[in-house]
Amino acid sequence: MVRLNSLLLTNFLAALPLAGLRPTRFMLQTGAKHYGVHLGPVKQPQEEDVDARVELEPNFYYPQEDAVFAYCRGALSGSSQKECGWAVGMPGAILGAVPDAAMNLCYPLAVYASVCRRLGQPLRFPGDVPAWQMGSSMSSAMLNAYMEEWMVLAGPKDQRYNVCDASAFAWEGFWPRLAGWYGLEWRGPVEEGYVEAETRFAPRKFGGKGTVRRSFSLTQWAKTEEVQKAWRELADEWGLRETELREPNRVFGFADGTLCRAGPLNFR
């Protein structure tokens, strides 16, 4: 993934002078994985003006950044590109109306709630009390678009930007609202019956690795025949394009990781 994503960008950058194009600002979107939040508990808060690369495993964000920086210095084209500035946008979990998206919370949560309604089941939260109350910086597709437009047209050059709506968010506050939109009863964290997993790393470099506790996984839930059958019925009733819950690991894995983190996502 690192090699392919890096080549996609470096090939594009190398083609710009061949096409006679000289941009004045280059905007690169990466994300919260810049801080290593997918690897374990990280330093709080996540600050955009601190070089917080976490190189515990390969991450294509970093070589992509380096390629853009090199282009803006003229190191890739062999000629000065000093008039070209860069901006890096780093959103958190993105909410947006995109079907079958591997890293978009709206799709798996909407499927989960729709199937729960079909089956007459309450909307259960899979995590424990710490995950239920944990703060999280959230982003949206629309917010990203407005923010990135500003970065390119009006913002100071050569800066990273955390992209979030800056409102206080926790699943404890959101879960009843989500259930209400679908006319569902909801259930918060249970008292017992959790499966506990240790994170692979401790990016914050102190206090040991993190722990994630789940009473169930949305990924495994989506694979059950009961859920698959309910979705096929919904798709047939409403004429949906996605008639099967395909690739649950890819689609629901992101939701599992976002619902149950080892530490807060706290952009500053």
Protein backbone atom coordinates (compact mmCIF):
# COMPACT_ATOMS: atom_id res chain seq x y z
CA MET A 1 0.00 0.00 0.00
CA VAL A 2 2.83 2.40 0.82
CA ARG A 3 4.59 1.82 -2.50
CA LEU A 4 1.44 2.07 -4.64
CA ASN A 5 0.02 5.15 -2.93
CA SER A 6 3.41 6.84 -3.08
CA LEU A 7 3.78 6.08 -6.79
CA LEU A 8 0.31 7.41 -7.56
CA LEU A 9 1.33 10.78 -6.16
CA THR A 10 4.94 10.98 -7.33
CA ASN A 11 3.95 10.03 -10.90
CA PHE A 12 1.34 12.78 -10.87
CA LEU A 13 3.83 15.33 -9.53
CA ALA A 14 6.43 14.33 -12.12
CA ALA A 15 3.85 14.83 -14.89
CA LEU A 16 3.02 18.42 -13.92
CA PRO A 17 6.12 20.07 -15.49
CA LEU A 18 5.75 17.83 -18.56
CA ALA A 19 2.27 19.28 -18.98
CA GLY A 20 3.52 22.81 -18.40
CA LEU A 21 1.50 23.18 -15.18
CA ARG A 22 2.89 25.19 -12.25
CA PRO A 23 0.49 25.13 -9.29
CA THR A 24 0.81 27.75 -6.57
CA ARG A 25 -0.60 25.56 -3.79
CA PHE A 26 -0.75 21.79 -3.38
CA MET A 27 -3.31 20.33 -0.96
CA LEU A 28 -2.80 16.80 0.36
CA GLN A 29 -5.41 15.08 2.52
CA THR A 30 -4.18 12.44 4.92
CA GLY A 31 -5.87 11.85 8.29
CA ALA A 32 -5.72 11.04 11.98
CA LYS A 33 -3.54 8.00 11.31
CA HIS A 34 -0.73 10.56 10.99
CA TYR A 35 -0.74 10.50 14.81
CA GLY A 36 -0.83 6.69 15.07
CA VAL A 37 -4.33 6.53 16.60
CA HIS A 38 -4.97 3.22 14.77
CA LEU A 39 -1.97 1.62 16.49
CA GLY A 40 -2.73 2.32 20.15
CA PRO A 41 -2.99 5.12 22.71
CA VAL A 42 -1.32 8.35 21.57
CA LYS A 43 -0.13 11.56 23.16
CA GLN A 44 -2.89 14.04 24.03
CA PRO A 45 -3.94 16.28 22.40
CA GLN A 46 -3.03 15.74 18.76
CA GLU A 47 -1.39 19.00 17.69
CA GLU A 48 -1.08 19.96 14.04
CA ASP A 49 1.99 22.17 14.58
CA VAL A 50 4.01 19.30 16.09
CA ASP A 51 5.78 16.81 13.82
CA ALA A 52 4.13 13.74 15.34
CA ARG A 53 5.04 11.01 12.87
CA VAL A 54 4.66 7.54 14.37
CA GLU A 55 6.83 5.15 12.40
CA LEU A 56 6.05 1.92 14.23
CA GLU A 57 4.80 0.45 10.94
CA PRO A 58 4.71 1.76 7.36
CA ASN A 59 2.24 4.59 6.73
CA PHE A 60 1.85 5.99 3.21
CA TYR A 61 0.92 9.42 4.58
CA TYR A 62 4.56 10.13 5.36
CA PRO A 63 6.16 9.40 1.96
CA GLN A 64 3.28 11.25 0.29
CA GLU A 65 4.01 14.29 2.47
CA ASP A 66 7.71 14.03 1.66
CA ALA A 67 6.93 13.89 -2.07
CA VAL A 68 4.81 17.04 -1.90
CA PHE A 69 7.45 18.83 0.18
CA ALA A 70 10.13 17.85 -2.34
CA TYR A 71 8.01 19.03 -5.26
CA CYS A 72 7.43 22.41 -3.64
CA ARG A 73 11.19 22.75 -3.11
CA GLY A 74 11.81 21.89 -6.78
CA ALA A 75 13.60 18.67 -5.88
CA LEU A 76 11.40 16.50 -8.11
CA SER A 77 11.22 18.66 -11.20
CA GLY A 78 14.80 19.93 -11.21
CA SER A 79 13.60 23.51 -11.29
CA SER A 80 12.55 25.90 -8.59
CA GLN A 81 8.97 25.57 -7.43
CA LYS A 82 9.40 27.96 -4.51
CA GLU A 83 6.22 29.80 -5.42
CA CYS A 84 4.30 26.55 -4.77
CA GLY A 85 3.22 26.14 -1.18
CA TRP A 86 1.73 23.04 0.40
CA ALA A 87 -1.07 22.31 2.84
CA VAL A 88 -1.89 19.00 4.53
CA GLY A 89 -5.42 18.38 5.80
CA MET A 90 -5.82 15.76 8.54
CA PRO A 91 -9.48 14.92 9.28
CA GLY A 92 -10.66 12.46 11.89
CA ALA A 93 -13.43 9.95 11.29
CA ILE A 94 -15.30 11.28 8.23
CA LEU A 95 -19.08 11.36 8.03
CA GLY A 96 -20.49 11.63 4.53
CA ALA A 97 -23.11 10.26 2.15
CA VAL A 98 -20.89 7.79 0.32
CA PRO A 99 -22.14 4.22 -0.25
CA ASP A 100 -19.88 1.23 0.35
CA ALA A 101 -17.06 3.35 1.76
CA ALA A 102 -14.33 1.59 3.71
CA MET A 103 -13.57 4.60 5.91
CA ASN A 104 -16.90 6.40 6.28
CA LEU A 105 -18.88 5.92 9.49
CA CYS A 106 -22.28 6.85 8.08
CA TYR A 107 -22.58 3.80 5.86
CA PRO A 108 -21.95 1.01 8.41
CA LEU A 109 -23.90 2.79 11.16
CA ALA A 110 -26.87 3.31 8.82
CA VAL A 111 -26.79 -0.35 7.80
CA TYR A 112 -26.56 -1.42 11.44
CA ALA A 113 -29.53 0.72 12.50
CA SER A 114 -31.62 -0.26 9.47
CA VAL A 115 -31.11 -3.97 10.08
CA CYS A 116 -31.82 -3.59 13.81
CA ARG A 117 -35.15 -1.99 12.92
CA ARG A 118 -35.92 -4.73 10.42
CA LEU A 119 -35.23 -7.39 13.07
CA GLY A 120 -37.03 -5.53 15.86
CA GLN A 121 -33.86 -5.33 17.93
CA PRO A 122 -32.48 -2.44 20.00
CA LEU A 123 -29.42 -0.49 18.86
CA ARG A 124 -26.73 -1.98 21.06
CA PHE A 125 -23.40 -0.25 21.66
CA PRO A 126 -20.51 -2.74 21.35
CA GLY A 127 -17.94 -1.02 23.59
CA ASP A 128 -17.40 -0.51 27.30
CA VAL A 129 -17.98 2.56 29.47
CA PRO A 130 -14.62 4.24 28.64
CA ALA A 131 -15.38 3.91 24.89
CA TRP A 132 -18.96 5.14 25.49
CA GLN A 133 -17.72 8.35 27.15
CA MET A 134 -14.48 8.87 25.23
CA GLY A 135 -14.13 12.18 23.42
CA SER A 136 -13.55 12.07 19.68
CA SER A 137 -12.84 14.78 17.11
CA MET A 138 -15.19 14.17 14.19
CA SER A 139 -15.09 15.42 10.61
CA SER A 140 -17.53 15.51 7.72
CA ALA A 141 -17.14 15.43 3.96
CA MET A 142 -18.70 18.90 3.65
CA LEU A 143 -16.48 20.36 6.36
CA ASN A 144 -13.40 18.87 4.68
CA ALA A 145 -14.36 20.46 1.38
CA TYR A 146 -14.84 23.94 2.86
CA MET A 147 -11.69 23.70 4.96
CA GLU A 148 -9.53 22.45 2.11
CA GLU A 149 -10.85 25.15 -0.20
CA TRP A 150 -9.73 27.70 2.39
CA MET A 151 -6.31 26.02 2.72
CA VAL A 152 -5.71 26.36 -1.01
CA LEU A 153 -7.16 29.80 -1.67
CA ALA A 154 -6.64 31.79 1.52
CA GLY A 155 -4.77 29.91 4.24
CA PRO A 156 -1.09 30.31 5.14
CA LYS A 157 1.11 28.01 3.09
CA ASP A 158 3.33 25.18 4.29
CA GLN A 159 1.18 24.07 7.20
CA ARG A 160 -0.66 20.99 8.43
CA TYR A 161 -4.25 21.42 9.57
CA ASN A 162 -6.35 19.21 11.80
CA VAL A 163 -9.81 19.20 10.21
CA CYS A 164 -12.71 18.74 12.63
CA ASP A 165 -15.85 20.58 13.67
CA ALA A 166 -14.41 21.29 17.16
CA SER A 167 -17.64 20.29 18.94
CA ALA A 168 -17.69 17.97 21.95
CA PHE A 169 -18.54 14.45 20.76
CA ALA A 170 -18.94 11.17 22.62
CA TRP A 171 -20.95 8.08 21.73
CA GLU A 172 -22.92 8.50 24.95
CA GLY A 173 -24.47 11.66 23.54
CA PHE A 174 -24.81 10.49 19.94
CA TRP A 175 -26.12 6.93 20.33
CA PRO A 176 -29.63 7.88 21.58
CA ARG A 177 -29.93 10.35 18.68
CA LEU A 178 -28.94 7.70 16.15
CA ALA A 179 -31.51 5.30 17.62
CA GLY A 180 -34.15 8.03 17.57
CA TRP A 181 -33.66 8.70 13.85
CA TYR A 182 -34.56 5.06 13.17
CA GLY A 183 -37.31 4.73 15.80
CA LEU A 184 -35.26 2.28 17.86
CA GLU A 185 -34.68 1.58 21.51
CA TRP A 186 -31.01 1.67 22.40
CA ARG A 187 -28.65 -0.03 24.83
CA GLY A 188 -25.42 1.37 26.24
CA PRO A 189 -22.46 -0.60 27.59
CA VAL A 190 -23.26 -3.92 29.25
CA GLU A 191 -21.98 -4.94 32.69
CA GLU A 192 -20.01 -8.00 31.55
CA GLY A 193 -19.31 -10.34 28.67
CA TYR A 194 -16.51 -8.37 26.96
CA VAL A 195 -13.74 -9.71 24.79
CA GLU A 196 -10.55 -7.83 25.61
CA ALA A 197 -7.76 -7.11 23.12
CA GLU A 198 -4.43 -5.36 23.57
CA THR A 199 -3.26 -2.86 20.99
CA ARG A 200 -0.16 -3.74 19.01
CA PHE A 201 1.79 -0.64 20.06
CA ALA A 202 1.92 2.23 22.53
CA PRO A 203 2.58 5.28 20.31
CA ARG A 204 2.52 7.64 23.31
CA LYS A 205 5.73 5.87 24.50
CA PHE A 206 4.65 5.50 28.13
CA GLY A 207 2.09 3.63 30.20
CA GLY A 208 2.15 0.43 28.18
CA LYS A 209 -0.12 -0.66 25.39
CA GLY A 210 -3.81 0.13 25.26
CA THR A 211 -6.79 -2.16 25.80
CA VAL A 212 -9.98 -2.37 23.76
CA ARG A 213 -13.06 -4.17 25.12
CA ARG A 214 -16.04 -5.23 22.99
CA SER A 215 -19.19 -7.17 23.78
CA PHE A 216 -19.57 -7.89 20.06
CA SER A 217 -18.07 -6.84 16.74
CA LEU A 218 -20.07 -5.18 13.96
CA THR A 219 -17.87 -7.01 11.47
CA GLN A 220 -18.90 -10.40 12.83
CA TRP A 221 -22.51 -9.22 13.26
CA ALA A 222 -22.66 -8.32 9.55
CA LYS A 223 -21.55 -11.83 8.57
CA THR A 224 -24.42 -13.64 10.30
CA GLU A 225 -27.10 -15.19 8.10
CA GLU A 226 -29.83 -13.37 10.04
CA VAL A 227 -28.31 -10.00 9.19
CA GLN A 228 -27.48 -10.93 5.60
CA LYS A 229 -31.07 -12.10 5.05
CA ALA A 230 -32.53 -8.95 6.64
CA TRP A 231 -30.40 -6.74 4.39
CA ARG A 232 -31.45 -8.64 1.26
CA GLU A 233 -35.07 -8.12 2.26
CA LEU A 234 -34.50 -4.40 2.82
CA ALA A 235 -32.69 -4.08 -0.49
CA ASP A 236 -35.52 -5.82 -2.31
CA GLU A 237 -38.25 -3.79 -0.54
CA TRP A 238 -36.63 -0.41 -1.18
CA GLY A 239 -34.92 -1.12 -4.50
CA LEU A 240 -31.41 -0.58 -3.15
CA ARG A 241 -28.36 -0.89 -5.38
CA GLU A 242 -26.34 -2.71 -2.71
CA THR A 243 -28.30 -5.95 -2.56
CA GLU A 244 -25.66 -7.81 -0.53
CA LEU A 245 -23.56 -6.84 2.50
CA ARG A 246 -20.30 -7.35 0.70
CA GLU A 247 -16.81 -7.28 2.25
CA PRO A 248 -17.87 -6.81 5.88
CA ASN A 249 -14.27 -6.79 7.08
CA ARG A 250 -13.52 -3.75 4.95
CA VAL A 251 -16.74 -1.83 5.52
CA PHE A 252 -17.45 -2.59 9.19
CA GLY A 253 -13.84 -2.88 10.39
CA PHE A 254 -13.47 0.90 10.36
CA ALA A 255 -16.66 1.29 12.41
CA ASP A 256 -15.41 -1.27 14.95
CA GLY A 257 -12.16 0.65 15.35
CA THR A 258 -13.88 4.02 15.67
CA LEU A 259 -16.54 2.89 18.15
CA CYS A 260 -13.98 1.25 20.44
CA ARG A 261 -10.67 3.10 20.63
CA ALA A 262 -7.85 2.63 23.12
CA GLY A 263 -7.63 6.39 23.66
CA PRO A 264 -9.27 9.69 22.69
CA LEU A 265 -8.98 11.42 19.33
CA ASN A 266 -8.53 14.96 20.59
CA PHE A 267 -7.48 17.43 17.89
CA ARG A 268 -6.16 20.81 18.91
